[in-house]
Amino acid sequence: MLAWIRVAVREIAPALDKEAAEAAHEWMADGCRSTRQALMAGQADTVTIIHGDTVITWAVRRVQFLPWAHRAGDHLSDCADRFTAIPIKRLKANRTQSASE
C-alpha cells in the first residue's frame, strides 16, 4: 500500500503548486520512512497533500490477511455455491476474442 501512495504522489507532484510539490518530494525522500515505521509498529498513518482548495489524504494501516477457505471442507459457507471459479486461461481467451471482434 505504501508503494501505491508513493506512485500516486510521484504522479501528481508535477501538477502541484510549488509548496505542495516540495512537500510531496520531501515526503517521498524522507517522510515515507516515518510512515513505514508507523506501519511496522502497527500504527495507522496518513499522507496529506494540499494544493489550493484541494486536500488529498491517503490513510494507510496494517491489515491481517485471513487464509482462504478450503472449498473441499465439510462445512462451506452459505454463499460457496453462488460463485464459481473461472480458470485464468479462459478469461484470457475471452479477452483476446472480444478484442478481435
N, C-alpha and C. Protein backbone atom coordinates (compact mmCIF):
# COMPACT_ATOMS: atom_id res chain seq x y z
N MET A 1 0.82 -1.19 0.00
CA MET A 1 0.00 0.00 0.00
C MET A 1 0.86 1.26 0.00
N LEU A 2 1.92 1.24 0.76
CA LEU A 2 2.79 2.40 0.81
C LEU A 2 3.42 2.68 -0.56
N ALA A 3 3.73 1.63 -1.29
CA ALA A 3 4.29 1.81 -2.63
C ALA A 3 3.27 2.48 -3.55
N TRP A 4 1.98 2.13 -3.40
CA TRP A 4 0.94 2.75 -4.23
C TRP A 4 0.83 4.24 -3.92
N ILE A 5 0.95 4.59 -2.65
CA ILE A 5 0.89 6.00 -2.28
C ILE A 5 2.08 6.75 -2.87
N ARG A 6 3.25 6.15 -2.79
CA ARG A 6 4.44 6.79 -3.38
C ARG A 6 4.25 7.03 -4.88
N VAL A 7 3.70 6.05 -5.58
CA VAL A 7 3.46 6.19 -7.02
C VAL A 7 2.46 7.31 -7.28
N ALA A 8 1.39 7.34 -6.51
CA ALA A 8 0.37 8.38 -6.70
C ALA A 8 0.94 9.77 -6.43
N VAL A 9 1.72 9.91 -5.37
CA VAL A 9 2.32 11.21 -5.05
C VAL A 9 3.30 11.61 -6.14
N ARG A 10 4.09 10.66 -6.62
CA ARG A 10 5.05 10.94 -7.68
C ARG A 10 4.33 11.39 -8.96
N GLU A 11 3.19 10.76 -9.25
CA GLU A 11 2.44 11.08 -10.47
C GLU A 11 1.79 12.47 -10.42
N ILE A 12 1.29 12.86 -9.24
CA ILE A 12 0.61 14.16 -9.18
C ILE A 12 1.54 15.32 -8.87
N ALA A 13 2.74 15.04 -8.39
CA ALA A 13 3.67 16.10 -7.97
C ALA A 13 3.92 17.16 -9.05
N PRO A 14 4.12 16.79 -10.33
CA PRO A 14 4.37 17.82 -11.34
C PRO A 14 3.21 18.79 -11.54
N ALA A 15 2.00 18.39 -11.20
CA ALA A 15 0.84 19.25 -11.40
C ALA A 15 0.54 20.13 -10.19
N LEU A 16 1.28 19.96 -9.10
CA LEU A 16 1.02 20.71 -7.87
C LEU A 16 1.69 22.07 -7.89
N ASP A 17 1.16 22.97 -7.05
CA ASP A 17 1.84 24.26 -6.91
C ASP A 17 3.17 24.04 -6.20
N LYS A 18 3.99 25.06 -6.14
CA LYS A 18 5.38 24.92 -5.66
C LYS A 18 5.45 24.36 -4.25
N GLU A 19 4.65 24.90 -3.33
CA GLU A 19 4.69 24.42 -1.94
C GLU A 19 4.26 22.97 -1.83
N ALA A 20 3.19 22.63 -2.50
CA ALA A 20 2.68 21.26 -2.43
C ALA A 20 3.66 20.29 -3.09
N ALA A 21 4.25 20.69 -4.21
CA ALA A 21 5.23 19.83 -4.88
C ALA A 21 6.45 19.60 -4.00
N GLU A 22 6.91 20.65 -3.33
CA GLU A 22 8.05 20.49 -2.42
C GLU A 22 7.71 19.55 -1.27
N ALA A 23 6.50 19.70 -0.71
CA ALA A 23 6.07 18.81 0.38
C ALA A 23 5.98 17.37 -0.12
N ALA A 24 5.48 17.18 -1.34
CA ALA A 24 5.38 15.83 -1.91
C ALA A 24 6.76 15.21 -2.09
N HIS A 25 7.69 15.98 -2.64
CA HIS A 25 9.05 15.46 -2.85
C HIS A 25 9.74 15.20 -1.51
N GLU A 26 9.49 16.04 -0.54
CA GLU A 26 10.08 15.84 0.79
C GLU A 26 9.54 14.56 1.42
N TRP A 27 8.23 14.33 1.27
CA TRP A 27 7.67 13.11 1.83
C TRP A 27 8.24 11.89 1.12
N MET A 28 8.36 11.95 -0.20
CA MET A 28 8.91 10.80 -0.92
C MET A 28 10.35 10.53 -0.54
N ALA A 29 11.11 11.59 -0.29
CA ALA A 29 12.53 11.42 0.04
C ALA A 29 12.74 10.97 1.48
N ASP A 30 11.92 11.48 2.40
CA ASP A 30 12.19 11.25 3.82
C ASP A 30 10.97 10.82 4.61
N GLY A 31 9.84 11.43 4.34
CA GLY A 31 8.65 11.21 5.15
C GLY A 31 8.08 9.82 5.08
N CYS A 32 8.27 9.17 3.95
CA CYS A 32 7.71 7.82 3.83
C CYS A 32 8.39 6.86 4.80
N ARG A 33 9.57 7.20 5.24
CA ARG A 33 10.25 6.35 6.24
C ARG A 33 9.49 6.34 7.56
N SER A 34 9.01 7.51 7.99
CA SER A 34 8.24 7.56 9.23
C SER A 34 6.90 6.84 9.07
N THR A 35 6.32 6.92 7.88
CA THR A 35 5.09 6.18 7.60
C THR A 35 5.35 4.69 7.66
N ARG A 36 6.45 4.24 7.07
CA ARG A 36 6.82 2.83 7.10
C ARG A 36 7.06 2.37 8.54
N GLN A 37 7.73 3.19 9.34
CA GLN A 37 7.99 2.83 10.74
C GLN A 37 6.68 2.72 11.52
N ALA A 38 5.75 3.64 11.26
CA ALA A 38 4.45 3.57 11.93
C ALA A 38 3.74 2.27 11.57
N LEU A 39 3.77 1.90 10.30
CA LEU A 39 3.14 0.66 9.87
C LEU A 39 3.78 -0.55 10.53
N MET A 40 5.10 -0.55 10.59
CA MET A 40 5.80 -1.67 11.22
C MET A 40 5.48 -1.78 12.71
N ALA A 41 5.15 -0.64 13.32
CA ALA A 41 4.78 -0.63 14.74
C ALA A 41 3.29 -0.92 14.94
N GLY A 42 2.58 -1.18 13.84
CA GLY A 42 1.17 -1.50 13.93
C GLY A 42 0.27 -0.28 14.05
N GLN A 43 0.80 0.90 13.74
CA GLN A 43 0.01 2.12 13.84
C GLN A 43 -0.43 2.59 12.45
N ALA A 44 -1.56 3.25 12.41
CA ALA A 44 -2.04 3.84 11.16
C ALA A 44 -1.33 5.16 10.93
N ASP A 45 -1.32 5.63 9.71
CA ASP A 45 -0.71 6.91 9.38
C ASP A 45 -1.45 7.50 8.19
N THR A 46 -1.29 8.80 7.99
CA THR A 46 -1.91 9.44 6.83
C THR A 46 -0.86 10.26 6.10
N VAL A 47 -1.10 10.44 4.81
CA VAL A 47 -0.27 11.29 3.96
C VAL A 47 -1.23 12.30 3.34
N THR A 48 -0.96 13.58 3.52
CA THR A 48 -1.86 14.61 3.01
C THR A 48 -1.10 15.58 2.12
N ILE A 49 -1.68 15.87 0.98
CA ILE A 49 -1.15 16.86 0.04
C ILE A 49 -2.22 17.95 -0.09
N ILE A 50 -1.83 19.21 0.06
CA ILE A 50 -2.76 20.33 -0.08
C ILE A 50 -2.32 21.17 -1.27
N HIS A 51 -3.24 21.33 -2.20
CA HIS A 51 -2.98 22.10 -3.42
C HIS A 51 -4.16 23.06 -3.59
N GLY A 52 -3.94 24.32 -3.28
CA GLY A 52 -5.02 25.30 -3.35
C GLY A 52 -6.14 24.91 -2.41
N ASP A 53 -7.35 24.75 -2.95
CA ASP A 53 -8.50 24.35 -2.14
C ASP A 53 -8.68 22.83 -2.07
N THR A 54 -7.80 22.11 -2.72
CA THR A 54 -7.92 20.65 -2.78
C THR A 54 -7.02 20.00 -1.74
N VAL A 55 -7.60 19.11 -0.95
CA VAL A 55 -6.85 18.35 0.05
C VAL A 55 -7.00 16.88 -0.31
N ILE A 56 -5.86 16.23 -0.50
CA ILE A 56 -5.85 14.79 -0.81
C ILE A 56 -5.18 14.09 0.37
N THR A 57 -5.89 13.13 0.94
CA THR A 57 -5.35 12.39 2.08
C THR A 57 -5.44 10.90 1.81
N TRP A 58 -4.33 10.23 1.97
CA TRP A 58 -4.28 8.78 1.91
C TRP A 58 -4.13 8.28 3.35
N ALA A 59 -4.94 7.32 3.72
CA ALA A 59 -4.84 6.70 5.04
C ALA A 59 -4.31 5.29 4.84
N VAL A 60 -3.36 4.92 5.64
CA VAL A 60 -2.73 3.61 5.49
C VAL A 60 -2.64 2.96 6.86
N ARG A 61 -2.95 1.66 6.89
CA ARG A 61 -2.83 0.90 8.13
C ARG A 61 -2.53 -0.55 7.78
N ARG A 62 -1.96 -1.25 8.73
CA ARG A 62 -1.68 -2.65 8.51
C ARG A 62 -2.97 -3.44 8.57
N VAL A 63 -3.02 -4.48 7.79
CA VAL A 63 -4.17 -5.38 7.83
C VAL A 63 -3.66 -6.80 8.03
N GLN A 64 -4.50 -7.59 8.60
CA GLN A 64 -4.16 -9.00 8.76
C GLN A 64 -4.97 -9.77 7.74
N PHE A 65 -4.29 -10.49 6.88
CA PHE A 65 -4.96 -11.27 5.86
C PHE A 65 -5.40 -12.60 6.45
N LEU A 66 -6.61 -12.97 6.15
CA LEU A 66 -7.14 -14.24 6.61
C LEU A 66 -6.88 -15.31 5.55
N PRO A 67 -6.69 -16.55 5.97
CA PRO A 67 -6.46 -17.61 4.98
C PRO A 67 -7.72 -17.85 4.16
N TRP A 68 -7.52 -18.31 2.93
CA TRP A 68 -8.64 -18.66 2.07
C TRP A 68 -9.35 -19.87 2.64
N ALA A 69 -10.64 -19.92 2.52
CA ALA A 69 -11.40 -21.09 2.96
C ALA A 69 -11.16 -22.22 1.97
N HIS A 70 -10.99 -23.38 2.47
CA HIS A 70 -10.76 -24.54 1.62
C HIS A 70 -12.11 -25.04 1.12
N ARG A 71 -12.28 -25.12 -0.19
CA ARG A 71 -13.59 -25.47 -0.76
C ARG A 71 -13.91 -26.96 -0.63
N ALA A 72 -12.96 -27.77 -0.20
CA ALA A 72 -13.24 -29.20 -0.07
C ALA A 72 -13.58 -29.57 1.38
N GLY A 73 -13.77 -28.57 2.21
CA GLY A 73 -14.06 -28.83 3.62
C GLY A 73 -15.45 -29.42 3.82
N ASP A 74 -15.72 -29.91 5.02
CA ASP A 74 -17.02 -30.49 5.35
C ASP A 74 -18.10 -29.43 5.42
N HIS A 75 -17.74 -28.25 5.90
CA HIS A 75 -18.72 -27.19 6.07
C HIS A 75 -18.29 -25.96 5.27
N LEU A 76 -19.06 -25.64 4.25
CA LEU A 76 -18.79 -24.45 3.45
C LEU A 76 -19.80 -23.38 3.81
N SER A 77 -19.43 -22.13 3.65
CA SER A 77 -20.36 -21.05 3.94
C SER A 77 -21.55 -21.10 2.98
N ASP A 78 -22.63 -20.43 3.35
CA ASP A 78 -23.86 -20.45 2.55
C ASP A 78 -23.66 -19.93 1.13
N CYS A 79 -22.72 -19.01 0.96
CA CYS A 79 -22.53 -18.40 -0.36
C CYS A 79 -21.56 -19.19 -1.25
N ALA A 80 -21.02 -20.30 -0.76
CA ALA A 80 -20.00 -21.03 -1.51
C ALA A 80 -20.48 -21.51 -2.87
N ASP A 81 -21.76 -21.85 -2.98
CA ASP A 81 -22.28 -22.35 -4.25
C ASP A 81 -22.71 -21.24 -5.20
N ARG A 82 -22.76 -20.02 -4.74
CA ARG A 82 -23.17 -18.91 -5.61
C ARG A 82 -22.06 -18.46 -6.55
N PHE A 83 -20.83 -18.77 -6.22
CA PHE A 83 -19.70 -18.30 -7.01
C PHE A 83 -18.91 -19.50 -7.52
N THR A 84 -18.54 -19.43 -8.78
CA THR A 84 -17.74 -20.50 -9.35
C THR A 84 -16.41 -19.93 -9.81
N ALA A 85 -15.41 -20.74 -9.72
CA ALA A 85 -14.08 -20.32 -10.17
C ALA A 85 -14.03 -20.34 -11.69
N ILE A 86 -13.38 -19.34 -12.27
CA ILE A 86 -13.19 -19.29 -13.71
C ILE A 86 -11.70 -19.41 -13.97
N PRO A 87 -11.30 -20.43 -14.72
CA PRO A 87 -9.86 -20.59 -14.99
C PRO A 87 -9.30 -19.35 -15.68
N ILE A 88 -8.09 -18.97 -15.30
CA ILE A 88 -7.46 -17.78 -15.87
C ILE A 88 -7.28 -17.91 -17.37
N LYS A 89 -6.94 -19.09 -17.87
CA LYS A 89 -6.77 -19.27 -19.32
C LYS A 89 -8.05 -18.93 -20.06
N ARG A 90 -9.19 -19.29 -19.49
CA ARG A 90 -10.47 -18.99 -20.12
C ARG A 90 -10.71 -17.48 -20.15
N LEU A 91 -10.37 -16.79 -19.07
CA LEU A 91 -10.53 -15.34 -19.04
C LEU A 91 -9.67 -14.69 -20.11
N LYS A 92 -8.43 -15.13 -20.23
CA LYS A 92 -7.53 -14.56 -21.23
C LYS A 92 -8.07 -14.81 -22.64
N ALA A 93 -8.60 -15.99 -22.86
CA ALA A 93 -9.15 -16.31 -24.18
C ALA A 93 -10.33 -15.40 -24.50
N ASN A 94 -11.19 -15.15 -23.53
CA ASN A 94 -12.34 -14.28 -23.75
C ASN A 94 -11.90 -12.85 -24.05
N ARG A 95 -10.89 -12.36 -23.38
CA ARG A 95 -10.40 -11.01 -23.64
C ARG A 95 -9.83 -10.89 -25.05
N THR A 96 -9.05 -11.90 -25.45
CA THR A 96 -8.46 -11.90 -26.78
C THR A 96 -9.54 -11.96 -27.85
N GLN A 97 -10.54 -12.79 -27.61
CA GLN A 97 -11.62 -12.95 -28.58
C GLN A 97 -12.43 -11.68 -28.71
N SER A 98 -12.80 -11.02 -27.62
CA SER A 98 -13.61 -9.82 -27.71
C SER A 98 -12.80 -8.65 -28.26
N ALA A 99 -11.49 -8.66 -28.09
CA ALA A 99 -10.65 -7.58 -28.64
C ALA A 99 -10.57 -7.69 -30.16
N SER A 100 -10.62 -8.92 -30.69
CA SER A 100 -10.51 -9.09 -32.13
C SER A 100 -11.83 -8.87 -32.86
N GLU A 101 -12.95 -8.87 -32.11
CA GLU A 101 -14.26 -8.69 -32.75
C GLU A 101 -14.54 -7.27 -33.10
